[in-house]
């Protein structure tokens, strides 16, 4: 039993249900009379694709770390700004107390 097709795309005898990507074998010569094919480009592209696929998690991790570093730096800036505002309010209150104390000392 020599049927074409795969488990995902089994062949059928009904042409309407036939997957257009599944084609019957052509009458190309095979064996020793078949012309030699150059498989070096296919191998190179496959190796390149495999390398790219292996580098995808590394690129994702690098992007994730960049996002986290940017978020941490933004949070540090926000904390420094809040601390600076707190110190400014504290200094203003101390200035007002000193001014009141000086006014009281001058009036008496």
PDB file of N, CA and C in Angstrom:
ATOM      1  N   UNK A   1       0.855  -1.178   0.000  1.00  0.00           N
ATOM      2  CA  UNK A   1       0.000   0.000   0.000  1.00  0.00           C
ATOM      3  C   UNK A   1       0.889   1.226   0.000  1.00  0.00           C
ATOM      4  N   UNK A   2       0.972   1.883  -1.130  1.00  0.00           N
ATOM      5  CA  UNK A   2       1.855   3.030  -1.285  1.00  0.00           C
ATOM      6  C   UNK A   2       1.006   4.272  -1.515  1.00  0.00           C
ATOM      7  N   UNK A   3       0.528   4.910  -0.430  1.00  0.00           N
ATOM      8  CA  UNK A   3      -0.323   6.094  -0.544  1.00  0.00           C
ATOM      9  C   UNK A   3       0.483   7.354  -0.285  1.00  0.00           C
ATOM     10  N   UNK A   4       0.152   8.395  -1.022  1.00  0.00           N
ATOM     11  CA  UNK A   4       0.786   9.688  -0.781  1.00  0.00           C
ATOM     12  C   UNK A   4       0.059  10.397   0.347  1.00  0.00           C
ATOM     13  N   UNK A   5       0.734  11.390   0.931  1.00  0.00           N
ATOM     14  CA  UNK A   5       0.100  12.175   1.971  1.00  0.00           C
ATOM     15  C   UNK A   5       0.810  12.004   3.296  1.00  0.00           C
ATOM     16  N   UNK A   6       0.343  12.755   4.253  1.00  0.00           N
ATOM     17  CA  UNK A   6       0.903  12.675   5.590  1.00  0.00           C
ATOM     18  C   UNK A   6      -0.225  12.441   6.572  1.00  0.00           C
ATOM     19  N   UNK A   7       0.127  12.304   7.831  1.00  0.00           N
ATOM     20  CA  UNK A   7      -0.906  12.126   8.853  1.00  0.00           C
ATOM     21  C   UNK A   7      -1.762  13.383   8.937  1.00  0.00           C
ATOM     22  N   UNK A   8      -1.120  14.544   8.838  1.00  0.00           N
ATOM     23  CA  UNK A   8      -1.865  15.804   8.908  1.00  0.00           C
ATOM     24  C   UNK A   8      -2.698  16.047   7.658  1.00  0.00           C
ATOM     25  N   UNK A   9      -2.180  15.620   6.495  1.00  0.00           N
ATOM     26  CA  UNK A   9      -2.867  15.878   5.232  1.00  0.00           C
ATOM     27  C   UNK A   9      -2.960  14.583   4.426  1.00  0.00           C
ATOM     28  N   UNK A  10      -3.876  13.715   4.771  1.00  0.00           N
ATOM     29  CA  UNK A  10      -3.986  12.461   4.014  1.00  0.00           C
ATOM     30  C   UNK A  10      -4.544  12.736   2.621  1.00  0.00           C
ATOM     31  N   UNK A  11      -4.169  11.895   1.694  1.00  0.00           N
ATOM     32  CA  UNK A  11      -4.688  12.065   0.331  1.00  0.00           C
ATOM     33  C   UNK A  11      -6.082  11.477   0.257  1.00  0.00           C
ATOM     34  N   UNK A  12      -6.863  12.059  -0.610  1.00  0.00           N
ATOM     35  CA  UNK A  12      -8.196  11.515  -0.879  1.00  0.00           C
ATOM     36  C   UNK A  12      -8.315  11.336  -2.378  1.00  0.00           C
ATOM     37  N   UNK A  13      -9.275  10.546  -2.791  1.00  0.00           N
ATOM     38  CA  UNK A  13      -9.492  10.339  -4.220  1.00  0.00           C
ATOM     39  C   UNK A  13     -10.420  11.383  -4.793  1.00  0.00           C
ATOM     40  N   UNK A  14     -11.086  12.150  -3.914  1.00  0.00           N
ATOM     41  CA  UNK A  14     -11.997  13.198  -4.380  1.00  0.00           C
ATOM     42  C   UNK A  14     -11.177  14.450  -4.668  1.00  0.00           C
ATOM     43  N   UNK A  15     -11.140  14.943  -5.926  1.00  0.00           N
ATOM     44  CA  UNK A  15     -10.308  16.111  -6.245  1.00  0.00           C
ATOM     45  C   UNK A  15     -10.738  17.386  -5.528  1.00  0.00           C
ATOM     46  N   UNK A  16     -12.024  17.476  -5.146  1.00  0.00           N
ATOM     47  CA  UNK A  16     -12.482  18.688  -4.448  1.00  0.00           C
ATOM     48  C   UNK A  16     -11.922  18.761  -3.036  1.00  0.00           C
ATOM     49  N   UNK A  17     -11.714  17.606  -2.421  1.00  0.00           N
ATOM     50  CA  UNK A  17     -11.207  17.564  -1.056  1.00  0.00           C
ATOM     51  C   UNK A  17      -9.688  17.489  -0.996  1.00  0.00           C
ATOM     52  N   UNK A  18      -9.059  17.339  -2.135  1.00  0.00           N
ATOM     53  CA  UNK A  18      -7.610  17.181  -2.183  1.00  0.00           C
ATOM     54  C   UNK A  18      -6.920  18.484  -1.801  1.00  0.00           C
ATOM     55  N   UNK A  19      -5.926  18.396  -0.944  1.00  0.00           N
ATOM     56  CA  UNK A  19      -5.138  19.563  -0.547  1.00  0.00           C
ATOM     57  C   UNK A  19      -4.317  20.021  -1.752  1.00  0.00           C
ATOM     58  N   UNK A  20      -4.402  21.310  -2.140  1.00  0.00           N
ATOM     59  CA  UNK A  20      -3.667  21.753  -3.333  1.00  0.00           C
ATOM     60  C   UNK A  20      -2.150  21.662  -3.168  1.00  0.00           C
ATOM     61  N   UNK A  21      -1.656  21.618  -1.935  1.00  0.00           N
ATOM     62  CA  UNK A  21      -0.203  21.538  -1.754  1.00  0.00           C
ATOM     63  C   UNK A  21       0.314  20.120  -1.940  1.00  0.00           C
ATOM     64  N   UNK A  22      -0.574  19.148  -1.853  1.00  0.00           N
ATOM     65  CA  UNK A  22      -0.162  17.762  -2.044  1.00  0.00           C
ATOM     66  C   UNK A  22      -0.292  17.428  -3.522  1.00  0.00           C
ATOM     67  N   UNK A  23       0.800  17.149  -4.167  1.00  0.00           N
ATOM     68  CA  UNK A  23       0.769  16.834  -5.594  1.00  0.00           C
ATOM     69  C   UNK A  23       1.254  15.416  -5.808  1.00  0.00           C
ATOM     70  N   UNK A  24       0.812  14.859  -6.863  1.00  0.00           N
ATOM     71  CA  UNK A  24       1.261  13.520  -7.229  1.00  0.00           C
ATOM     72  C   UNK A  24       2.693  13.608  -7.740  1.00  0.00           C
ATOM     73  N   UNK A  25       3.442  12.536  -7.629  1.00  0.00           N
ATOM     74  CA  UNK A  25       4.822  12.595  -8.099  1.00  0.00           C
ATOM     75  C   UNK A  25       4.859  12.805  -9.603  1.00  0.00           C
ATOM     76  N   UNK A  26       5.794  13.631 -10.028  1.00  0.00           N
ATOM     77  CA  UNK A  26       5.932  13.894 -11.452  1.00  0.00           C
ATOM     78  C   UNK A  26       6.721  12.763 -12.087  1.00  0.00           C
ATOM     79  N   UNK A  27       6.779  12.807 -13.381  1.00  0.00           N
ATOM     80  CA  UNK A  27       7.486  11.757 -14.104  1.00  0.00           C
ATOM     81  C   UNK A  27       8.965  12.108 -14.251  1.00  0.00           C
ATOM     82  N   UNK A  28       9.551  12.710 -13.231  1.00  0.00           N
ATOM     83  CA  UNK A  28      10.978  13.057 -13.281  1.00  0.00           C
ATOM     84  C   UNK A  28      11.802  11.789 -13.182  1.00  0.00           C
ATOM     85  N   UNK A  29      12.918  11.789 -13.842  1.00  0.00           N
ATOM     86  CA  UNK A  29      13.775  10.607 -13.734  1.00  0.00           C
ATOM     87  C   UNK A  29      14.364  10.498 -12.335  1.00  0.00           C
ATOM     88  N   UNK A  30      14.615   9.283 -11.909  1.00  0.00           N
ATOM     89  CA  UNK A  30      15.218   9.080 -10.603  1.00  0.00           C
ATOM     90  C   UNK A  30      16.295   8.029 -10.735  1.00  0.00           C
ATOM     91  N   UNK A  31      17.070   7.906  -9.707  1.00  0.00           N
ATOM     92  CA  UNK A  31      18.149   6.932  -9.737  1.00  0.00           C
ATOM     93  C   UNK A  31      19.387   7.513 -10.411  1.00  0.00           C
ATOM     94  N   UNK A  32      20.186   6.666 -11.073  1.00  0.00           N
ATOM     95  CA  UNK A  32      21.445   7.142 -11.659  1.00  0.00           C
ATOM     96  C   UNK A  32      21.233   8.095 -12.828  1.00  0.00           C
ATOM     97  N   UNK A  33      20.062   8.016 -13.545  1.00  0.00           N
ATOM     98  CA  UNK A  33      19.869   8.914 -14.686  1.00  0.00           C
ATOM     99  C   UNK A  33      19.346  10.287 -14.267  1.00  0.00           C
ATOM    100  N   UNK A  34      19.009  10.461 -13.006  1.00  0.00           N
ATOM    101  CA  UNK A  34      18.509  11.751 -12.534  1.00  0.00           C
ATOM    102  C   UNK A  34      19.652  12.756 -12.475  1.00  0.00           C
ATOM    103  N   UNK A  35      19.374  14.024 -12.876  1.00  0.00           N
ATOM    104  CA  UNK A  35      20.440  15.039 -12.797  1.00  0.00           C
ATOM    105  C   UNK A  35      20.764  15.355 -11.330  1.00  0.00           C
ATOM    106  N   UNK A  36      22.027  15.617 -11.064  1.00  0.00           N
ATOM    107  CA  UNK A  36      22.461  15.920  -9.699  1.00  0.00           C
ATOM    108  C   UNK A  36      21.949  17.301  -9.302  1.00  0.00           C
ATOM    109  N   UNK A  37      21.451  17.405  -8.103  1.00  0.00           N
ATOM    110  CA  UNK A  37      20.941  18.691  -7.621  1.00  0.00           C
ATOM    111  C   UNK A  37      21.954  19.318  -6.684  1.00  0.00           C
ATOM    112  N   UNK A  38      21.982  20.648  -6.710  1.00  0.00           N
ATOM    113  CA  UNK A  38      22.892  21.378  -5.838  1.00  0.00           C
ATOM    114  C   UNK A  38      22.174  21.635  -4.516  1.00  0.00           C
ATOM    115  N   UNK A  39      22.550  20.902  -3.466  1.00  0.00           N
ATOM    116  CA  UNK A  39      21.875  21.020  -2.172  1.00  0.00           C
ATOM    117  C   UNK A  39      22.621  21.942  -1.222  1.00  0.00           C
ATOM    118  N   UNK A  40      23.698  22.576  -1.677  1.00  0.00           N
ATOM    119  CA  UNK A  40      24.489  23.399  -0.759  1.00  0.00           C
ATOM    120  C   UNK A  40      23.722  24.634  -0.315  1.00  0.00           C
ATOM    121  N   UNK A  41      22.939  25.241  -1.246  1.00  0.00           N
ATOM    122  CA  UNK A  41      22.162  26.434  -0.857  1.00  0.00           C
ATOM    123  C   UNK A  41      21.089  26.071   0.149  1.00  0.00           C
ATOM    124  N   UNK A  42      20.412  24.947  -0.083  1.00  0.00           N
ATOM    125  CA  UNK A  42      19.353  24.521   0.842  1.00  0.00           C
ATOM    126  C   UNK A  42      19.941  24.234   2.213  1.00  0.00           C
ATOM    127  N   UNK A  43      21.093  23.571   2.237  1.00  0.00           N
ATOM    128  CA  UNK A  43      21.726  23.259   3.524  1.00  0.00           C
ATOM    129  C   UNK A  43      22.146  24.536   4.230  1.00  0.00           C
ATOM    130  N   UNK A  44      22.726  25.481   3.468  1.00  0.00           N
ATOM    131  CA  UNK A  44      23.172  26.729   4.080  1.00  0.00           C
ATOM    132  C   UNK A  44      21.986  27.499   4.642  1.00  0.00           C
ATOM    133  N   UNK A  45      20.878  27.559   3.868  1.00  0.00           N
ATOM    134  CA  UNK A  45      19.733  28.319   4.371  1.00  0.00           C
ATOM    135  C   UNK A  45      19.132  27.618   5.585  1.00  0.00           C
ATOM    136  N   UNK A  46      19.134  26.269   5.576  1.00  0.00           N
ATOM    137  CA  UNK A  46      18.608  25.530   6.719  1.00  0.00           C
ATOM    138  C   UNK A  46      19.475  25.768   7.948  1.00  0.00           C
ATOM    139  N   UNK A  47      20.788  25.772   7.762  1.00  0.00           N
ATOM    140  CA  UNK A  47      21.678  26.023   8.900  1.00  0.00           C
ATOM    141  C   UNK A  47      21.497  27.434   9.412  1.00  0.00           C
ATOM    142  N   UNK A  48      21.339  28.399   8.501  1.00  0.00           N
ATOM    143  CA  UNK A  48      21.134  29.786   8.912  1.00  0.00           C
ATOM    144  C   UNK A  48      19.831  29.904   9.681  1.00  0.00           C
ATOM    145  N   UNK A  49      18.787  29.246   9.183  1.00  0.00           N
ATOM    146  CA  UNK A  49      17.501  29.316   9.872  1.00  0.00           C
ATOM    147  C   UNK A  49      17.604  28.666  11.247  1.00  0.00           C
ATOM    148  N   UNK A  50      18.315  27.557  11.332  1.00  0.00           N
ATOM    149  CA  UNK A  50      18.488  26.906  12.630  1.00  0.00           C
ATOM    150  C   UNK A  50      19.237  27.814  13.591  1.00  0.00           C
ATOM    151  N   UNK A  51      20.268  28.506  13.098  1.00  0.00           N
ATOM    152  CA  UNK A  51      21.019  29.422  13.952  1.00  0.00           C
ATOM    153  C   UNK A  51      20.117  30.555  14.428  1.00  0.00           C
ATOM    154  N   UNK A  52      19.321  31.113  13.494  1.00  0.00           N
ATOM    155  CA  UNK A  52      18.394  32.187  13.885  1.00  0.00           C
ATOM    156  C   UNK A  52      17.399  31.690  14.928  1.00  0.00           C
ATOM    157  N   UNK A  53      16.889  30.484  14.739  1.00  0.00           N
ATOM    158  CA  UNK A  53      15.927  29.930  15.687  1.00  0.00           C
ATOM    159  C   UNK A  53      16.568  29.730  17.058  1.00  0.00           C
ATOM    160  N   UNK A  54      17.830  29.331  17.058  1.00  0.00           N
ATOM    161  CA  UNK A  54      18.508  29.137  18.345  1.00  0.00           C
ATOM    162  C   UNK A  54      18.783  30.463  19.029  1.00  0.00           C
ATOM    163  N   UNK A  55      18.921  31.544  18.257  1.00  0.00           N
ATOM    164  CA  UNK A  55      19.225  32.843  18.850  1.00  0.00           C
ATOM    165  C   UNK A  55      17.976  33.611  19.276  1.00  0.00           C
ATOM    166  N   UNK A  56      16.797  33.148  18.900  1.00  0.00           N
ATOM    167  CA  UNK A  56      15.565  33.859  19.272  1.00  0.00           C
ATOM    168  C   UNK A  56      15.399  33.975  20.785  1.00  0.00           C
ATOM    169  N   UNK A  57      15.566  32.904  21.581  1.00  0.00           N
ATOM    170  CA  UNK A  57      15.411  33.067  23.033  1.00  0.00           C
ATOM    171  C   UNK A  57      16.420  34.055  23.616  1.00  0.00           C
ATOM    172  N   UNK A  58      17.627  34.068  23.056  1.00  0.00           N
ATOM    173  CA  UNK A  58      18.629  35.010  23.540  1.00  0.00           C
ATOM    174  C   UNK A  58      18.198  36.447  23.247  1.00  0.00           C
ATOM    175  N   UNK A  59      17.673  36.684  22.049  1.00  0.00           N
ATOM    176  CA  UNK A  59      17.203  38.030  21.697  1.00  0.00           C
ATOM    177  C   UNK A  59      16.018  38.430  22.570  1.00  0.00           C
ATOM    178  N   UNK A  60      15.114  37.492  22.833  1.00  0.00           N
ATOM    179  CA  UNK A  60      13.972  37.790  23.705  1.00  0.00           C
ATOM    180  C   UNK A  60      14.437  38.119  25.122  1.00  0.00           C
ATOM    181  N   UNK A  61      15.394  37.351  25.616  1.00  0.00           N
ATOM    182  CA  UNK A  61      15.916  37.612  26.961  1.00  0.00           C
ATOM    183  C   UNK A  61      16.588  38.974  27.022  1.00  0.00           C
ATOM    184  N   UNK A  62      17.337  39.313  25.957  1.00  0.00           N
ATOM    185  CA  UNK A  62      18.013  40.619  25.932  1.00  0.00           C
ATOM    186  C   UNK A  62      16.989  41.756  25.927  1.00  0.00           C
ATOM    187  N   UNK A  63      15.924  41.620  25.128  1.00  0.00           N
ATOM    188  CA  UNK A  63      14.875  42.641  25.090  1.00  0.00           C
ATOM    189  C   UNK A  63      14.171  42.741  26.440  1.00  0.00           C
ATOM    190  N   UNK A  64      13.919  41.599  27.079  1.00  0.00           N
ATOM    191  CA  UNK A  64      13.265  41.592  28.386  1.00  0.00           C
ATOM    192  C   UNK A  64      14.138  42.301  29.425  1.00  0.00           C
ATOM    193  N   UNK A  65      15.441  42.019  29.400  1.00  0.00           N
ATOM    194  CA  UNK A  65      16.353  42.663  30.352  1.00  0.00           C
ATOM    195  C   UNK A  65      16.431  44.163  30.094  1.00  0.00           C
ATOM    196  N   UNK A  66      16.429  44.581  28.816  1.00  0.00           N
ATOM    197  CA  UNK A  66      16.436  46.015  28.508  1.00  0.00           C
ATOM    198  C   UNK A  66      15.197  46.689  29.080  1.00  0.00           C
ATOM    199  N   UNK A  67      14.035  46.040  28.906  1.00  0.00           N
ATOM    200  CA  UNK A  67      12.794  46.603  29.453  1.00  0.00           C
ATOM    201  C   UNK A  67      12.870  46.711  30.974  1.00  0.00           C
ATOM    202  N   UNK A  68      13.389  45.660  31.611  1.00  0.00           N
ATOM    203  CA  UNK A  68      13.479  45.681  33.079  1.00  0.00           C
ATOM    204  C   UNK A  68      14.456  46.741  33.569  1.00  0.00           C
ATOM    205  N   UNK A  69      15.589  46.903  32.868  1.00  0.00           N
ATOM    206  CA  UNK A  69      16.555  47.945  33.255  1.00  0.00           C
ATOM    207  C   UNK A  69      15.943  49.327  33.104  1.00  0.00           C
ATOM    208  N   UNK A  70      15.214  49.536  31.987  1.00  0.00           N
ATOM    209  CA  UNK A  70      14.570  50.830  31.769  1.00  0.00           C
ATOM    210  C   UNK A  70      13.544  51.108  32.860  1.00  0.00           C
ATOM    211  N   UNK A  71      12.754  50.100  33.236  1.00  0.00           N
ATOM    212  CA  UNK A  71      11.751  50.273  34.284  1.00  0.00           C
ATOM    213  C   UNK A  71      12.409  50.558  35.633  1.00  0.00           C
ATOM    214  N   UNK A  72      13.511  49.858  35.933  1.00  0.00           N
ATOM    215  CA  UNK A  72      14.209  50.081  37.205  1.00  0.00           C
ATOM    216  C   UNK A  72      14.798  51.485  37.262  1.00  0.00           C
ATOM    217  N   UNK A  73      15.376  51.946  36.154  1.00  0.00           N
ATOM    218  CA  UNK A  73      15.950  53.302  36.122  1.00  0.00           C
ATOM    219  C   UNK A  73      14.851  54.345  36.289  1.00  0.00           C
ATOM    220  N   UNK A  74      13.719  54.126  35.657  1.00  0.00           N
ATOM    221  CA  UNK A  74      12.590  55.054  35.799  1.00  0.00           C
ATOM    222  C   UNK A  74      12.101  55.081  37.245  1.00  0.00           C
ATOM    223  N   UNK A  75      12.032  53.921  37.876  1.00  0.00           N
ATOM    224  CA  UNK A  75      11.593  53.857  39.273  1.00  0.00           C
ATOM    225  C   UNK A  75      12.590  54.568  40.186  1.00  0.00           C
ATOM    226  N   UNK A  76      13.895  54.379  39.914  1.00  0.00           N
ATOM    227  CA  UNK A  76      14.910  55.077  40.727  1.00  0.00           C
ATOM    228  C   UNK A  76      14.776  56.593  40.576  1.00  0.00           C
ATOM    229  N   UNK A  77      14.533  57.055  39.335  1.00  0.00           N
ATOM    230  CA  UNK A  77      14.350  58.504  39.137  1.00  0.00           C
ATOM    231  C   UNK A  77      13.138  59.014  39.905  1.00  0.00           C
ATOM    232  N   UNK A  78      12.051  58.253  39.888  1.00  0.00           N
ATOM    233  CA  UNK A  78      10.833  58.662  40.603  1.00  0.00           C
ATOM    234  C   UNK A  78      11.097  58.722  42.106  1.00  0.00           C
ATOM    235  N   UNK A  79      11.828  57.756  42.638  1.00  0.00           N
ATOM    236  CA  UNK A  79      12.133  57.748  44.074  1.00  0.00           C
ATOM    237  C   UNK A  79      13.005  58.950  44.440  1.00  0.00           C
ATOM    238  N   UNK A  80      14.016  59.239  43.592  1.00  0.00           N
ATOM    239  CA  UNK A  80      14.878  60.406  43.873  1.00  0.00           C
ATOM    240  C   UNK A  80      14.083  61.710  43.819  1.00  0.00           C
ATOM    241  N   UNK A  81      13.157  61.817  42.854  1.00  0.00           N
ATOM    242  CA  UNK A  81      12.339  63.029  42.742  1.00  0.00           C
ATOM    243  C   UNK A  81      11.454  63.193  43.980  1.00  0.00           C
ATOM    244  N   UNK A  82      10.841  62.099  44.436  1.00  0.00           N
ATOM    245  CA  UNK A  82       9.985  62.171  45.629  1.00  0.00           C
ATOM    246  C   UNK A  82      10.808  62.565  46.852  1.00  0.00           C
ATOM    247  N   UNK A  83      12.013  62.022  46.978  1.00  0.00           N
ATOM    248  CA  UNK A  83      12.875  62.371  48.117  1.00  0.00           C
ATOM    249  C   UNK A  83      13.278  63.839  48.037  1.00  0.00           C
ATOM    250  N   UNK A  84      13.588  64.331  46.839  1.00  0.00           N
ATOM    251  CA  UNK A  84      13.974  65.742  46.687  1.00  0.00           C
ATOM    252  C   UNK A  84      12.813  66.661  47.060  1.00  0.00           C
ATOM    253  N   UNK A  85      11.605  66.295  46.671  1.00  0.00           N
ATOM    254  CA  UNK A  85      10.445  67.125  47.028  1.00  0.00           C
ATOM    255  C   UNK A  85      10.207  67.119  48.536  1.00  0.00           C
ATOM    256  N   UNK A  86      10.370  65.942  49.173  1.00  0.00           N
ATOM    257  CA  UNK A  86      10.228  65.875  50.628  1.00  0.00           C
ATOM    258  C   UNK A  86      11.240  66.778  51.304  1.00  0.00           C
ATOM    259  N   UNK A  87      12.505  66.722  50.857  1.00  0.00           N
ATOM    260  CA  UNK A  87      13.539  67.570  51.470  1.00  0.00           C
ATOM    261  C   UNK A  87      13.259  69.045  51.231  1.00  0.00           C
ATOM    262  N   UNK A  88      12.718  69.383  50.048  1.00  0.00           N
ATOM    263  CA  UNK A  88      12.400  70.780  49.764  1.00  0.00           C
ATOM    264  C   UNK A  88      11.307  71.278  50.710  1.00  0.00           C
ATOM    265  N   UNK A  89      10.247  70.458  50.909  1.00  0.00           N
ATOM    266  CA  UNK A  89       9.182  70.871  51.837  1.00  0.00           C
ATOM    267  C   UNK A  89       9.720  71.017  53.253  1.00  0.00           C
ATOM    268  N   UNK A  90      10.595  70.092  53.664  1.00  0.00           N
ATOM    269  CA  UNK A  90      11.185  70.172  55.004  1.00  0.00           C
ATOM    270  C   UNK A  90      12.010  71.452  55.156  1.00  0.00           C
ATOM    271  N   UNK A  91      12.777  71.793  54.119  1.00  0.00           N
ATOM    272  CA  UNK A  91      13.598  73.015  54.162  1.00  0.00           C
ATOM    273  C   UNK A  91      12.706  74.251  54.215  1.00  0.00           C
ATOM    274  N   UNK A  92      11.608  74.248  53.459  1.00  0.00           N
ATOM    275  CA  UNK A  92      10.698  75.397  53.490  1.00  0.00           C
ATOM    276  C   UNK A  92      10.074  75.573  54.875  1.00  0.00           C
ATOM    277  N   UNK A  93       9.691  74.457  55.510  1.00  0.00           N
ATOM    278  CA  UNK A  93       9.131  74.553  56.867  1.00  0.00           C
ATOM    279  C   UNK A  93      10.172  75.075  57.852  1.00  0.00           C
ATOM    280  N   UNK A  94      11.406  74.588  57.727  1.00  0.00           N
ATOM    281  CA  UNK A  94      12.477  75.070  58.617  1.00  0.00           C
ATOM    282  C   UNK A  94      12.724  76.556  58.387  1.00  0.00           C
ATOM    283  N   UNK A  95      12.651  76.999  57.117  1.00  0.00           N
ATOM    284  CA  UNK A  95      12.850  78.424  56.811  1.00  0.00           C
ATOM    285  C   UNK A  95      11.743  79.264  57.444  1.00  0.00           C
ATOM    286  N   UNK A  96      10.502  78.771  57.359  1.00  0.00           N
ATOM    287  CA  UNK A  96       9.395  79.511  57.969  1.00  0.00           C
ATOM    288  C   UNK A  96       9.544  79.579  59.489  1.00  0.00           C
ATOM    289  N   UNK A  97       9.966  78.474  60.117  1.00  0.00           N
ATOM    290  CA  UNK A  97      10.177  78.496  61.575  1.00  0.00           C
ATOM    291  C   UNK A  97      11.268  79.505  61.947  1.00  0.00           C
ATOM    292  N   UNK A  98      12.346  79.501  61.166  1.00  0.00           N
ATOM    293  CA  UNK A  98      13.437  80.438  61.462  1.00  0.00           C
ATOM    294  C   UNK A  98      12.965  81.878  61.292  1.00  0.00           C
ATOM    295  N   UNK A  99      12.185  82.130  60.261  1.00  0.00           N
ATOM    296  CA  UNK A  99      11.678  83.492  60.028  1.00  0.00           C
ATOM    297  C   UNK A  99      10.760  83.936  61.174  1.00  0.00           C
ATOM    298  N   UNK A 100       9.889  83.010  61.644  1.00  0.00           N
ATOM    299  CA  UNK A 100       9.012  83.348  62.773  1.00  0.00           C
ATOM    300  C   UNK A 100       9.825  83.605  64.034  1.00  0.00           C
ATOM    301  N   UNK A 101      10.824  82.764  64.265  1.00  0.00           N
ATOM    302  CA  UNK A 101      11.658  82.942  65.458  1.00  0.00           C
ATOM    303  C   UNK A 101      12.376  84.283  65.401  1.00  0.00           C
ATOM    304  N   UNK A 102      12.874  84.665  64.226  1.00  0.00           N
ATOM    305  CA  UNK A 102      13.563  85.963  64.090  1.00  0.00           C
ATOM    306  C   UNK A 102      12.587  87.108  64.321  1.00  0.00           C
ATOM    307  N   UNK A 103      11.350  86.978  63.773  1.00  0.00           N
ATOM    308  CA  UNK A 103      10.355  88.033  63.966  1.00  0.00           C
ATOM    309  C   UNK A 103       9.981  88.161  65.430  1.00  0.00           C
ATOM    310  N   UNK A 104       9.873  87.046  66.139  1.00  0.00           N
ATOM    311  CA  UNK A 104       9.555  87.100  67.561  1.00  0.00           C
ATOM    312  C   UNK A 104      10.694  87.740  68.336  1.00  0.00           C
ATOM    313  N   UNK A 105      11.941  87.426  67.954  1.00  0.00           N
ATOM    314  CA  UNK A 105      13.093  87.983  68.666  1.00  0.00           C
ATOM    315  C   UNK A 105      13.179  89.481  68.427  1.00  0.00           C
ATOM    316  N   UNK A 106      12.860  89.945  67.227  1.00  0.00           N
ATOM    317  CA  UNK A 106      12.943  91.378  66.913  1.00  0.00           C
ATOM    318  C   UNK A 106      11.838  92.120  67.634  1.00  0.00           C
ATOM    319  N   UNK A 107      10.638  91.551  67.747  1.00  0.00           N
ATOM    320  CA  UNK A 107       9.503  92.250  68.362  1.00  0.00           C
ATOM    321  C   UNK A 107       9.668  92.372  69.848  1.00  0.00           C
ATOM    322  N   UNK A 108      10.360  91.526  70.531  1.00  0.00           N
ATOM    323  CA  UNK A 108      10.493  91.629  71.977  1.00  0.00           C
ATOM    324  C   UNK A 108      11.691  92.367  72.368  1.00  0.00           C
TER     325      UNK A 108
END
